[in-house]
Amino acid sequence: MIMMSGSQRDYDAMAGKDSDGSPAWSPEDMAALHEFMAAWNNDLVESGEFVDARGLTAPVHTRRISLRDGVPVVTDGPYPETQEVLAGYTIVECASFDRATEIAAKLAKTPHPEDATLTNEWYVDIRPIAEGIEDL
């Protein structure tokens, strides 16, 4: 599974909101992002390595359930603008972990506005999906 992260600030910028003085994404910036991701996914479909992919809604729509004194406590988002959460994922079925790394590395070329200031260092995480208890 290739996991992409983002913050509420990232979602706000992509929605064209300028919440902190950083540049908002234009419709052309968003079109370039969608075009890039569609091509990346289509390459995986054509190679037979694509299994599933989903983007997730903004962190403002998140609920976190934690325990306090053994009792579940629900906290609604948003979280601090810079706190990163899972933004989306892609599941691939490929020959090796190295191949999954190669696929994920292509995301480093994901377009963004030229004058955008990235609030966090760019990264994606890759983790094998456990098929059974023996894989944990």
C-alpha atoms as a PDB file:
ATOM      1  CA  MET A   1       0.000   0.000   0.000  1.00  0.00           C
ATOM      2  CA  ILE A   2       1.324   3.406  -0.973  1.00  0.00           C
ATOM      3  CA  MET A   3       0.049   5.998   1.510  1.00  0.00           C
ATOM      4  CA  MET A   4       0.013   9.724   0.822  1.00  0.00           C
ATOM      5  CA  SER A   5      -0.234  12.292   3.603  1.00  0.00           C
ATOM      6  CA  GLY A   6      -1.618  15.802   3.780  1.00  0.00           C
ATOM      7  CA  SER A   7      -2.718  18.465   6.239  1.00  0.00           C
ATOM      8  CA  GLN A   8      -5.804  20.641   6.480  1.00  0.00           C
ATOM      9  CA  ARG A   9      -3.647  23.497   5.165  1.00  0.00           C
ATOM     10  CA  ASP A  10      -2.865  21.401   2.066  1.00  0.00           C
ATOM     11  CA  TYR A  11      -6.555  20.672   1.487  1.00  0.00           C
ATOM     12  CA  ASP A  12      -7.442  24.351   1.987  1.00  0.00           C
ATOM     13  CA  ALA A  13      -4.792  25.457  -0.537  1.00  0.00           C
ATOM     14  CA  MET A  14      -6.009  22.920  -3.107  1.00  0.00           C
ATOM     15  CA  ALA A  15      -9.571  24.186  -2.570  1.00  0.00           C
ATOM     16  CA  GLY A  16      -8.369  27.691  -3.444  1.00  0.00           C
ATOM     17  CA  LYS A  17      -8.392  29.000   0.138  1.00  0.00           C
ATOM     18  CA  ASP A  18      -5.506  31.160   1.284  1.00  0.00           C
ATOM     19  CA  SER A  19      -5.698  30.573   5.033  1.00  0.00           C
ATOM     20  CA  ASP A  20      -2.126  31.418   6.019  1.00  0.00           C
ATOM     21  CA  GLY A  21      -0.767  33.710   3.344  1.00  0.00           C
ATOM     22  CA  SER A  22       0.543  30.873   1.191  1.00  0.00           C
ATOM     23  CA  PRO A  23      -0.597  30.700  -2.429  1.00  0.00           C
ATOM     24  CA  ALA A  24      -3.842  28.914  -3.143  1.00  0.00           C
ATOM     25  CA  TRP A  25      -4.002  26.398  -5.977  1.00  0.00           C
ATOM     26  CA  SER A  26      -5.534  27.645  -9.189  1.00  0.00           C
ATOM     27  CA  PRO A  27      -7.944  25.549 -11.267  1.00  0.00           C
ATOM     28  CA  GLU A  28      -5.022  24.987 -13.675  1.00  0.00           C
ATOM     29  CA  ASP A  29      -2.846  23.702 -10.800  1.00  0.00           C
ATOM     30  CA  MET A  30      -5.601  21.270  -9.788  1.00  0.00           C
ATOM     31  CA  ALA A  31      -6.074  20.147 -13.390  1.00  0.00           C
ATOM     32  CA  ALA A  32      -2.351  19.400 -13.640  1.00  0.00           C
ATOM     33  CA  LEU A  33      -2.502  17.383 -10.409  1.00  0.00           C
ATOM     34  CA  HIS A  34      -5.535  15.389 -11.596  1.00  0.00           C
ATOM     35  CA  GLU A  35      -3.918  14.758 -14.981  1.00  0.00           C
ATOM     36  CA  PHE A  36      -0.695  13.556 -13.339  1.00  0.00           C
ATOM     37  CA  MET A  37      -2.506  11.223 -10.927  1.00  0.00           C
ATOM     38  CA  ALA A  38      -4.742   9.831 -13.692  1.00  0.00           C
ATOM     39  CA  ALA A  39      -1.681   9.049 -15.822  1.00  0.00           C
ATOM     40  CA  TRP A  40       0.110   7.465 -12.832  1.00  0.00           C
ATOM     41  CA  ASN A  41      -2.919   5.274 -12.067  1.00  0.00           C
ATOM     42  CA  ASN A  42      -3.448   4.388 -15.748  1.00  0.00           C
ATOM     43  CA  ASP A  43       0.190   3.235 -16.015  1.00  0.00           C
ATOM     44  CA  LEU A  44      -0.468   0.881 -13.097  1.00  0.00           C
ATOM     45  CA  VAL A  45      -3.683  -0.404 -14.674  1.00  0.00           C
ATOM     46  CA  GLU A  46      -1.876  -1.045 -17.965  1.00  0.00           C
ATOM     47  CA  SER A  47       0.978  -2.880 -16.204  1.00  0.00           C
ATOM     48  CA  GLY A  48      -1.539  -5.031 -14.285  1.00  0.00           C
ATOM     49  CA  GLU A  49      -0.215  -3.788 -10.918  1.00  0.00           C
ATOM     50  CA  PHE A  50      -3.202  -1.609  -9.927  1.00  0.00           C
ATOM     51  CA  VAL A  51      -5.527  -2.995  -7.247  1.00  0.00           C
ATOM     52  CA  ASP A  52      -7.305   0.023  -5.731  1.00  0.00           C
ATOM     53  CA  ALA A  53      -6.850   3.730  -5.011  1.00  0.00           C
ATOM     54  CA  ARG A  54      -8.815   6.247  -3.009  1.00  0.00           C
ATOM     55  CA  GLY A  55      -8.406   9.830  -1.952  1.00  0.00           C
ATOM     56  CA  LEU A  56      -9.781  10.816   1.421  1.00  0.00           C
ATOM     57  CA  THR A  57     -11.761  13.916   2.369  1.00  0.00           C
ATOM     58  CA  ALA A  58     -10.178  16.823   4.233  1.00  0.00           C
ATOM     59  CA  PRO A  59      -9.114  16.360   7.873  1.00  0.00           C
ATOM     60  CA  VAL A  60     -11.942  18.683   8.932  1.00  0.00           C
ATOM     61  CA  HIS A  61     -14.234  15.682   8.304  1.00  0.00           C
ATOM     62  CA  THR A  62     -12.230  13.412  10.612  1.00  0.00           C
ATOM     63  CA  ARG A  63     -13.264  11.878  13.911  1.00  0.00           C
ATOM     64  CA  ARG A  64     -10.670  10.386  16.205  1.00  0.00           C
ATOM     65  CA  ILE A  65     -11.704   7.931  18.899  1.00  0.00           C
ATOM     66  CA  SER A  66      -9.297   7.587  21.808  1.00  0.00           C
ATOM     67  CA  LEU A  67      -9.498   6.143  25.308  1.00  0.00           C
ATOM     68  CA  ARG A  68      -9.539   8.208  28.495  1.00  0.00           C
ATOM     69  CA  ASP A  69      -9.721   6.177  31.668  1.00  0.00           C
ATOM     70  CA  GLY A  70     -10.977   3.234  29.627  1.00  0.00           C
ATOM     71  CA  VAL A  71     -13.840   5.231  28.082  1.00  0.00           C
ATOM     72  CA  PRO A  72     -13.997   6.030  24.341  1.00  0.00           C
ATOM     73  CA  VAL A  73     -13.758   9.775  23.651  1.00  0.00           C
ATOM     74  CA  VAL A  74     -14.663  11.177  20.232  1.00  0.00           C
ATOM     75  CA  THR A  75     -12.794  14.235  18.960  1.00  0.00           C
ATOM     76  CA  ASP A  76     -13.992  15.907  15.772  1.00  0.00           C
ATOM     77  CA  GLY A  77     -11.523  17.426  13.320  1.00  0.00           C
ATOM     78  CA  PRO A  78     -10.049  19.672  12.248  1.00  0.00           C
ATOM     79  CA  TYR A  79      -6.722  19.144  13.854  1.00  0.00           C
ATOM     80  CA  PRO A  80      -3.935  21.711  13.785  1.00  0.00           C
ATOM     81  CA  GLU A  81      -3.499  22.964  10.204  1.00  0.00           C
ATOM     82  CA  THR A  82      -0.061  21.426   9.933  1.00  0.00           C
ATOM     83  CA  GLN A  83      -0.849  18.009  11.446  1.00  0.00           C
ATOM     84  CA  GLU A  84      -0.607  15.451   8.687  1.00  0.00           C
ATOM     85  CA  VAL A  85      -3.094  12.671   8.222  1.00  0.00           C
ATOM     86  CA  LEU A  86      -3.649   9.990   5.615  1.00  0.00           C
ATOM     87  CA  ALA A  87      -4.812  11.807   2.463  1.00  0.00           C
ATOM     88  CA  GLY A  88      -5.173   8.810   0.169  1.00  0.00           C
ATOM     89  CA  TYR A  89      -3.775   5.465  -0.763  1.00  0.00           C
ATOM     90  CA  THR A  90      -3.020   3.238  -3.715  1.00  0.00           C
ATOM     91  CA  ILE A  91      -2.787  -0.526  -3.457  1.00  0.00           C
ATOM     92  CA  VAL A  92      -0.537  -2.247  -5.958  1.00  0.00           C
ATOM     93  CA  GLU A  93       0.232  -5.890  -6.513  1.00  0.00           C
ATOM     94  CA  CYS A  94       3.712  -6.111  -7.918  1.00  0.00           C
ATOM     95  CA  ALA A  95       6.764  -8.332  -8.071  1.00  0.00           C
ATOM     96  CA  SER A  96       8.628  -6.916  -5.065  1.00  0.00           C
ATOM     97  CA  PHE A  97       8.934  -4.270  -2.390  1.00  0.00           C
ATOM     98  CA  ASP A  98      11.598  -2.642  -4.569  1.00  0.00           C
ATOM     99  CA  ARG A  99       9.112  -2.398  -7.439  1.00  0.00           C
ATOM    100  CA  ALA A 100       6.535  -0.802  -5.102  1.00  0.00           C
ATOM    101  CA  THR A 101       9.228   1.690  -4.078  1.00  0.00           C
ATOM    102  CA  GLU A 102       9.942   2.462  -7.740  1.00  0.00           C
ATOM    103  CA  ILE A 103       6.224   3.048  -8.378  1.00  0.00           C
ATOM    104  CA  ALA A 104       5.866   5.326  -5.342  1.00  0.00           C
ATOM    105  CA  ALA A 105       8.992   7.316  -6.230  1.00  0.00           C
ATOM    106  CA  LYS A 106       7.245   8.513  -9.391  1.00  0.00           C
ATOM    107  CA  LEU A 107       4.957  10.545  -7.118  1.00  0.00           C
ATOM    108  CA  ALA A 108       7.894  12.847  -6.371  1.00  0.00           C
ATOM    109  CA  LYS A 109       7.043  14.534  -9.676  1.00  0.00           C
ATOM    110  CA  THR A 110       3.492  15.353  -8.554  1.00  0.00           C
ATOM    111  CA  PRO A 111       2.818  18.891  -9.775  1.00  0.00           C
ATOM    112  CA  HIS A 112       2.118  21.773  -7.420  1.00  0.00           C
ATOM    113  CA  PRO A 113       2.065  25.545  -7.847  1.00  0.00           C
ATOM    114  CA  GLU A 114       5.545  26.900  -8.578  1.00  0.00           C
ATOM    115  CA  ASP A 115       5.317  29.471  -5.803  1.00  0.00           C
ATOM    116  CA  ALA A 116       3.880  27.070  -3.227  1.00  0.00           C
ATOM    117  CA  THR A 117       5.692  26.744   0.057  1.00  0.00           C
ATOM    118  CA  LEU A 118       5.521  23.164   1.252  1.00  0.00           C
ATOM    119  CA  THR A 119       4.744  23.163   4.971  1.00  0.00           C
ATOM    120  CA  ASN A 120       6.112  19.667   5.436  1.00  0.00           C
ATOM    121  CA  GLU A 121       8.799  17.695   3.703  1.00  0.00           C
ATOM    122  CA  TRP A 122       7.293  15.592   0.910  1.00  0.00           C
ATOM    123  CA  TYR A 123       7.041  11.851   1.456  1.00  0.00           C
ATOM    124  CA  VAL A 124       4.899   8.803   0.857  1.00  0.00           C
ATOM    125  CA  ASP A 125       4.904   5.635   2.936  1.00  0.00           C
ATOM    126  CA  ILE A 126       4.933   2.115   1.541  1.00  0.00           C
ATOM    127  CA  ARG A 127       3.871  -0.865   3.629  1.00  0.00           C
ATOM    128  CA  PRO A 128       3.056  -4.428   2.675  1.00  0.00           C
ATOM    129  CA  ILE A 129      -0.508  -5.481   3.453  1.00  0.00           C
ATOM    130  CA  ALA A 130      -0.684  -8.368   5.911  1.00  0.00           C
ATOM    131  CA  GLU A 131      -2.480 -11.314   4.349  1.00  0.00           C
ATOM    132  CA  GLY A 132      -2.841 -13.208   7.613  1.00  0.00           C
ATOM    133  CA  ILE A 133      -1.803 -13.276  11.230  1.00  0.00           C
ATOM    134  CA  GLU A 134       1.532 -14.811  10.267  1.00  0.00           C
ATOM    135  CA  ASP A 135       2.404 -11.638   8.306  1.00  0.00           C
ATOM    136  CA  LEU A 136       2.076  -9.354  11.325  1.00  0.00           C
END
